[in-house]
Structure formats: structure tokens, C-alpha cells
């Protein structure tokens, strides 16, 4: 197996281009004896002479002529690759691919991306806006480096770093009698026509499980796939609902109002999910640092 170094390729190309060992020494920053040894080692490695040397001139052998453009391309490609790598480590280039559940992606993620782009404007960002369960699957399968979702529970292949606790809030029409209350018990909310997400939504399943523990039952009047649809239906006066506090701003924009929801208080940690045994790219690591550094601000933004 032939083992050629970049130093040997640079030396060969420099001598071939200048047809002078003296000029080549200046270009590759080697002494003439060191350059001669480098070329000799290269010729021994490939199995024959690449240069024809006389007392007056240096010329490429036929084999050297064939190898010269190949060596130039190898050097060009290698130097381009090394430059690209350097630019990525310096965050002058690169790409971050992440996944976030819709309630986070539509409310808090834009501000984080804005911070990131202000620092690293040349790094591209791809966001996969998918349901909480799919965020975990995409991280686990290596489709994305970083996920933002609810705590997936103990896992041998994933890490979860919490950001804040996302609690459920009541969503009612502005003219509904419950809108006059600062805090609404679940029992009172459930006496109204209830609008909820369809199964197997993790939000739906969590509400049902918590209520079941307290001997309460949710009997939906309407079911839908999207939180935005819930907000619009509540604002139209079709019923009431309960959504994560991440959706407060969205519910307000749709025309509904949100109130504290208690007895019981339902909450669930939201955080960053990553694979355990796979290091993050420099670009992704910088994104995670910004997300984690924003935890305090994120908590404030989801308060009523």
C-alpha cells in the first residue's frame, strides 16, 4: 500500500511547477537538503523516478507528467476540505438541524434562532416542527442532532436537560363566566363542553392519566389534531380547553383567554434531548449553549 504525505505532494507540485529546487524550497519552506529527501522518499514510495535531473535542468519523467495534474487536484481538494473544516469549527460555516414540538417551535424557538443568527450569521438552521413523540424518534435515529420536547423519561441512549416546567392552563372564551376567575379548578372546567386533541397525543394522554388518578374523567365534546384549531374553536364559543402554557401567546392571538388551572396542577418538564454516545457538531453545541443559557428568560415568557 502506497503511503504518501501532504508534505511530499506539496514538495512534488512545487518542484514540478517551478522546475527548480531552489524556488520550490522557498514555496514549501524547506531547506534544499530537506526538499531533496522529501522528493526521494516520495519516489521510493511510488516505486520510480518522477523527475529527470541533469546539471542544468529538472524535468518531469513521463510518469511524473501523468502524476502532476492528479497531485494538483488532490492538494486542491484536501486544502479546500481543510479550509471548510476550519470554517466550521470557527462557525463561519456549518448547519444545525434540530427538531422541536410545535408549541415550542411557534412560540419560543424564533427568539432563540434570532440570538444564534446574530452571533453566527453564516450557519444555516433547519427546524423540524413535529409532534413531541417524533422529536424523540428523530434524535434517536440521528435525523437531527438536537431536540426540544417534553421529558421522554429514562433512556439508555438519550440525555435530557430540563429547561422549565410547562404547566397546563385553561382556555376559555373572553365572555365565558370562568374568564372572570384568576384560577380555575379542573372540576369546574370539565363541566363545560370540552375540546381536546385526538389520541395518541401525549398532551391528551397526560391529561387523561392525571384526571384518572383523582377520580375525574374528561368527556370531550370536540376532538382535533391541532392546538391552533382548539384555540380558534374556543374563541368561537364552541367550548373550553386546557393547553400547555407554551401555547398562551398563540391562544391569545386566536382570540381566547388563558387562566391558571389547578386542583390538580398539571405540569411536565420541557428540555433538550440529545444522543448520549454521539458528540455534537460545533454548530449544534453552540445552539444548545444558547438554548440552555436562555432557560430563565423562557420561563418568564410562558407566565400568565
Protein backbone atom coordinates (compact mmCIF):
# COMPACT_ATOMS: atom_id res chain seq x y z
CA UNK A 1 0.00 0.00 0.00
CA UNK A 2 1.39 3.38 -1.06
CA UNK A 3 1.67 5.87 1.80
CA UNK A 4 2.11 9.45 0.57
CA UNK A 5 2.04 12.52 2.81
CA UNK A 6 0.73 16.00 2.08
CA UNK A 7 4.25 17.29 2.66
CA UNK A 8 5.53 15.07 -0.16
CA UNK A 9 2.71 16.12 -2.51
CA UNK A 10 3.34 19.82 -1.85
CA UNK A 11 7.05 19.34 -2.46
CA UNK A 12 6.44 17.44 -5.71
CA UNK A 13 3.98 20.03 -7.05
CA UNK A 14 6.28 22.92 -6.13
CA UNK A 15 9.28 21.39 -7.94
CA UNK A 16 7.16 20.37 -10.94
CA UNK A 17 5.69 23.87 -11.24
CA UNK A 18 8.96 25.83 -10.83
CA UNK A 19 11.32 23.22 -12.33
CA UNK A 20 13.75 24.44 -9.70
CA UNK A 21 14.63 23.00 -6.32
CA UNK A 22 15.80 26.44 -5.19
CA UNK A 23 12.50 28.16 -5.97
CA UNK A 24 10.49 25.22 -4.62
CA UNK A 25 12.33 25.44 -1.29
CA UNK A 26 11.00 28.96 -0.80
CA UNK A 27 7.42 27.93 -1.62
CA UNK A 28 7.28 24.94 0.71
CA UNK A 29 9.53 26.42 3.42
CA UNK A 30 12.10 23.62 3.39
CA UNK A 31 15.86 23.65 3.09
CA UNK A 32 17.28 22.19 -0.12
CA UNK A 33 18.57 19.02 1.61
CA UNK A 34 15.17 18.52 3.30
CA UNK A 35 13.35 19.04 0.00
CA UNK A 36 15.62 16.58 -1.79
CA UNK A 37 15.00 13.96 0.90
CA UNK A 38 11.24 14.55 0.69
CA UNK A 39 11.21 14.03 -3.09
CA UNK A 40 13.46 10.98 -2.75
CA UNK A 41 11.12 9.43 -0.17
CA UNK A 42 8.15 10.10 -2.45
CA UNK A 43 9.84 8.43 -5.41
CA UNK A 44 10.75 5.42 -3.26
CA UNK A 45 7.14 5.19 -2.10
CA UNK A 46 5.67 5.22 -5.62
CA UNK A 47 8.39 2.95 -6.98
CA UNK A 48 10.23 5.10 -9.53
CA UNK A 49 11.64 8.48 -10.57
CA UNK A 50 9.29 11.41 -11.02
CA UNK A 51 11.98 13.87 -12.10
CA UNK A 52 14.83 13.70 -14.59
CA UNK A 53 17.75 15.62 -13.14
CA UNK A 54 20.72 16.98 -15.03
CA UNK A 55 23.36 19.51 -14.05
CA UNK A 56 21.46 22.19 -15.96
CA UNK A 57 17.74 21.38 -15.66
CA UNK A 58 14.99 19.44 -13.88
CA UNK A 59 12.18 17.89 -15.89
CA UNK A 60 9.29 15.57 -15.16
CA UNK A 61 9.57 11.97 -16.28
CA UNK A 62 6.61 10.57 -18.27
CA UNK A 63 5.28 9.10 -15.03
CA UNK A 64 5.78 12.44 -13.32
CA UNK A 65 3.87 14.19 -16.12
CA UNK A 66 0.93 11.82 -15.60
CA UNK A 67 1.01 12.27 -11.82
CA UNK A 68 1.36 16.07 -11.80
CA UNK A 69 -2.32 17.03 -12.53
CA UNK A 70 -3.51 14.29 -10.17
CA UNK A 71 -1.30 15.61 -7.38
CA UNK A 72 -2.54 19.16 -8.03
CA UNK A 73 -6.18 18.02 -7.73
CA UNK A 74 -5.50 16.05 -4.55
CA UNK A 75 -3.83 19.07 -2.96
CA UNK A 76 -6.62 21.41 -4.07
CA UNK A 77 -9.35 19.11 -2.75
CA UNK A 78 -7.53 18.50 0.52
CA UNK A 79 -6.84 22.19 1.11
CA UNK A 80 -10.46 23.03 0.30
CA UNK A 81 -11.68 20.36 2.72
CA UNK A 82 -9.34 21.59 5.47
CA UNK A 83 -10.46 25.17 4.91
CA UNK A 84 -14.10 24.11 5.10
CA UNK A 85 -13.39 22.21 8.32
CA UNK A 86 -11.63 25.22 9.80
CA UNK A 87 -14.55 27.46 8.84
CA UNK A 88 -16.98 25.06 10.51
CA UNK A 89 -15.01 24.97 13.74
CA UNK A 90 -14.88 28.77 13.64
CA UNK A 91 -18.67 28.83 12.99
CA UNK A 92 -18.19 30.79 9.79
CA UNK A 93 -19.92 27.92 8.03
CA UNK A 94 -22.00 24.93 9.01
CA UNK A 95 -25.50 23.67 9.60
CA UNK A 96 -27.69 22.97 12.60
CA UNK A 97 -30.57 20.51 12.22
CA UNK A 98 -32.98 20.34 15.14
CA UNK A 99 -36.50 19.20 15.94
CA UNK A 100 -38.97 20.91 18.24
CA UNK A 101 -42.57 20.24 19.19
CA UNK A 102 -44.95 22.75 17.57
CA UNK A 103 -45.87 24.56 20.80
CA UNK A 104 -42.19 25.42 21.36
CA UNK A 105 -41.29 25.92 17.71
CA UNK A 106 -44.02 28.51 17.20
CA UNK A 107 -43.55 30.42 20.44
CA UNK A 108 -40.06 30.39 21.93
CA UNK A 109 -37.78 28.97 19.24
CA UNK A 110 -37.84 32.01 16.90
CA UNK A 111 -36.25 34.17 19.61
CA UNK A 112 -33.51 31.61 20.18
CA UNK A 113 -32.79 31.36 16.46
CA UNK A 114 -32.61 35.14 16.28
CA UNK A 115 -29.93 35.15 19.00
CA UNK A 116 -28.00 32.43 17.21
CA UNK A 117 -28.10 34.14 13.82
CA UNK A 118 -26.87 37.38 15.35
CA UNK A 119 -23.75 35.53 16.53
CA UNK A 120 -23.28 33.09 13.64
CA UNK A 121 -24.98 34.52 10.52
CA UNK A 122 -23.32 32.08 8.12
CA UNK A 123 -24.53 28.91 9.80
CA UNK A 124 -27.72 27.53 8.27
CA UNK A 125 -30.52 26.26 10.51
CA UNK A 126 -33.11 23.61 9.68
CA UNK A 127 -36.09 23.23 12.03
CA UNK A 128 -38.32 20.16 12.01
CA UNK A 129 -41.65 21.18 13.54
CA UNK A 130 -43.04 17.81 14.65
CA UNK A 131 -45.09 16.34 17.50
CA UNK A 132 -43.32 15.60 20.79
CA UNK A 133 -43.04 11.87 20.15
CA UNK A 134 -41.47 12.38 16.73
CA UNK A 135 -38.88 14.78 18.19
CA UNK A 136 -37.54 11.94 20.34
CA UNK A 137 -37.54 9.49 17.43
CA UNK A 138 -35.67 11.92 15.15
CA UNK A 139 -32.95 12.46 17.75
CA UNK A 140 -32.67 8.74 18.47
CA UNK A 141 -32.39 7.89 14.75
CA UNK A 142 -29.76 10.56 14.12
CA UNK A 143 -32.00 12.60 11.79
CA UNK A 144 -31.37 15.66 13.97
CA UNK A 145 -28.66 16.47 16.49
CA UNK A 146 -30.86 18.34 18.96
CA UNK A 147 -34.49 18.02 20.01
CA UNK A 148 -36.69 20.20 22.21
CA UNK A 149 -39.62 18.37 23.73
CA UNK A 150 -41.19 17.01 26.90
CA UNK A 151 -39.12 14.75 29.15
CA UNK A 152 -39.11 11.37 27.37
CA UNK A 153 -38.28 9.51 30.59
CA UNK A 154 -35.28 7.38 31.37
CA UNK A 155 -33.38 6.19 28.33
CA UNK A 156 -30.11 4.35 27.75
CA UNK A 157 -29.32 6.19 24.51
CA UNK A 158 -30.63 9.73 25.16
CA UNK A 159 -29.90 12.58 27.54
CA UNK A 160 -32.50 15.11 28.68
CA UNK A 161 -31.56 18.53 30.06
CA UNK A 162 -34.58 20.37 31.51
CA UNK A 163 -35.33 24.00 30.66
CA UNK A 164 -38.57 24.67 32.55
CA UNK A 165 -41.81 23.05 33.67
CA UNK A 166 -44.65 23.60 31.20
CA UNK A 167 -47.95 23.62 33.09
CA UNK A 168 -51.46 23.30 31.70
CA UNK A 169 -53.66 26.39 31.59
CA UNK A 170 -57.39 26.76 30.99
CA UNK A 171 -58.53 28.25 27.69
CA UNK A 172 -61.93 29.93 27.59
CA UNK A 173 -63.90 32.46 25.56
CA UNK A 174 -63.37 36.07 26.78
CA UNK A 175 -67.09 36.31 27.68
CA UNK A 176 -67.27 32.95 29.45
CA UNK A 177 -68.10 33.17 33.18
CA UNK A 178 -64.87 31.32 34.02
CA UNK A 179 -62.86 34.09 32.35
CA UNK A 180 -63.57 36.27 35.40
CA UNK A 181 -61.58 33.89 37.63
CA UNK A 182 -57.82 34.12 38.10
CA UNK A 183 -57.62 30.37 38.71
CA UNK A 184 -59.97 27.63 37.54
CA UNK A 185 -60.31 24.16 39.12
CA UNK A 186 -60.33 21.25 36.72
CA UNK A 187 -63.69 20.13 38.05
CA UNK A 188 -65.25 23.45 37.04
CA UNK A 189 -63.61 23.41 33.60
CA UNK A 190 -64.81 19.88 32.83
CA UNK A 191 -68.46 20.84 33.41
CA UNK A 192 -68.32 22.72 30.09
CA UNK A 193 -68.14 21.41 26.53
CA UNK A 194 -64.52 20.31 26.38
CA UNK A 195 -62.30 20.49 23.29
CA UNK A 196 -59.13 18.37 23.20
CA UNK A 197 -56.51 16.83 20.96
CA UNK A 198 -57.09 13.40 19.50
CA UNK A 199 -55.20 10.36 20.67
CA UNK A 200 -52.33 9.39 20.65
CA UNK A 201 -51.33 12.96 21.51
CA UNK A 202 -49.06 12.95 24.57
CA UNK A 203 -50.96 16.00 25.85
CA UNK A 204 -54.28 14.14 25.66
CA UNK A 205 -52.86 11.04 27.30
CA UNK A 206 -51.24 13.03 30.12
CA UNK A 207 -54.48 14.87 30.95
CA UNK A 208 -56.48 11.65 30.98
CA UNK A 209 -53.96 9.87 33.20
CA UNK A 210 -53.76 12.71 35.75
CA UNK A 211 -57.54 13.09 35.93
CA UNK A 212 -57.99 9.34 36.29
CA UNK A 213 -55.70 9.35 39.34
CA UNK A 214 -58.06 11.83 41.01
CA UNK A 215 -61.21 10.01 40.01
CA UNK A 216 -62.15 12.55 37.34
CA UNK A 217 -62.99 11.91 33.71
CA UNK A 218 -62.73 14.02 30.59
CA UNK A 219 -65.59 13.56 28.10
CA UNK A 220 -64.68 15.61 25.03
CA UNK A 221 -67.34 17.35 23.00
CA UNK A 222 -64.88 18.02 20.18
CA UNK A 223 -61.55 16.47 19.19
CA UNK A 224 -58.95 17.85 16.78
CA UNK A 225 -55.37 17.31 15.64
CA UNK A 226 -54.05 20.85 16.08
CA UNK A 227 -53.69 23.17 19.07
CA UNK A 228 -54.40 26.13 16.78
CA UNK A 229 -57.77 24.59 15.93
CA UNK A 230 -58.56 24.29 19.64
CA UNK A 231 -57.81 27.99 20.13
CA UNK A 232 -60.00 29.01 17.21
CA UNK A 233 -62.89 26.80 18.38
CA UNK A 234 -62.71 28.20 21.92
CA UNK A 235 -62.61 31.76 20.55
CA UNK A 236 -65.72 30.95 18.51
CA UNK A 237 -67.54 29.88 21.67
CA UNK A 238 -67.72 26.16 20.96
CA UNK A 239 -66.30 25.14 24.34
CA UNK A 240 -63.31 25.28 26.67
CA UNK A 241 -59.98 23.51 26.75
CA UNK A 242 -56.66 23.01 28.52
CA UNK A 243 -53.33 23.51 26.76
CA UNK A 244 -49.64 23.76 27.72
CA UNK A 245 -48.55 27.22 28.85
CA UNK A 246 -46.27 27.29 25.79
CA UNK A 247 -49.45 27.99 23.84
CA UNK A 248 -50.59 31.03 25.84
CA UNK A 249 -49.50 33.58 23.23
CA UNK A 250 -50.98 31.53 20.42
CA UNK A 251 -54.32 31.20 22.22
CA UNK A 252 -54.43 34.97 22.80
CA UNK A 253 -53.69 35.68 19.16
CA UNK A 254 -56.57 33.40 18.17
CA UNK A 255 -58.98 35.32 20.43
CA UNK A 256 -59.20 33.11 23.52
CA UNK A 257 -58.07 33.88 27.07
CA UNK A 258 -55.97 31.73 29.40
CA UNK A 259 -56.28 31.26 33.14
CA UNK A 260 -54.39 29.32 35.80
CA UNK A 261 -55.61 25.74 36.12
CA UNK A 262 -55.39 23.86 39.40
CA UNK A 263 -56.75 21.02 41.52
CA UNK A 264 -54.73 19.36 40.20
CA UNK A 265 -51.85 21.42 38.83
CA UNK A 266 -50.54 19.54 35.80
CA UNK A 267 -47.05 20.20 34.53
CA UNK A 268 -44.34 18.46 32.59
CA UNK A 269 -40.62 19.26 32.09
CA UNK A 270 -39.57 20.64 28.71
CA UNK A 271 -35.94 20.38 27.74
CA UNK A 272 -33.21 19.48 25.28
CA UNK A 273 -32.84 15.89 24.07
CA UNK A 274 -29.57 14.60 22.58
CA UNK A 275 -27.92 11.26 21.88
CA UNK A 276 -25.57 10.05 24.61
CA UNK A 277 -22.75 8.50 22.64
CA UNK A 278 -22.54 10.92 19.73
CA UNK A 279 -20.72 14.26 20.08
CA UNK A 280 -22.45 17.34 18.72
CA UNK A 281 -21.06 19.37 15.86
CA UNK A 282 -19.58 22.72 16.85
CA UNK A 283 -22.60 24.48 15.33
CA UNK A 284 -25.09 22.32 17.24
CA UNK A 285 -23.17 22.64 20.51
CA UNK A 286 -23.30 26.44 20.20
CA UNK A 287 -27.06 26.25 19.61
CA UNK A 288 -27.51 24.11 22.74
CA UNK A 289 -25.45 26.59 24.77
CA UNK A 290 -27.77 29.40 23.71
CA UNK A 291 -30.89 27.36 24.45
CA UNK A 292 -29.70 26.37 27.92
CA UNK A 293 -28.50 29.90 28.63
CA UNK A 294 -32.00 31.19 27.81
CA UNK A 295 -33.81 28.92 30.29
CA UNK A 296 -34.60 31.73 32.73
CA UNK A 297 -35.98 34.01 30.02
CA UNK A 298 -38.05 31.16 28.56
CA UNK A 299 -39.68 30.53 31.94
CA UNK A 300 -40.71 34.18 32.18
CA UNK A 301 -42.22 34.15 28.70
CA UNK A 302 -44.74 31.41 29.48
CA UNK A 303 -46.13 33.02 32.62
CA UNK A 304 -49.68 34.36 32.60
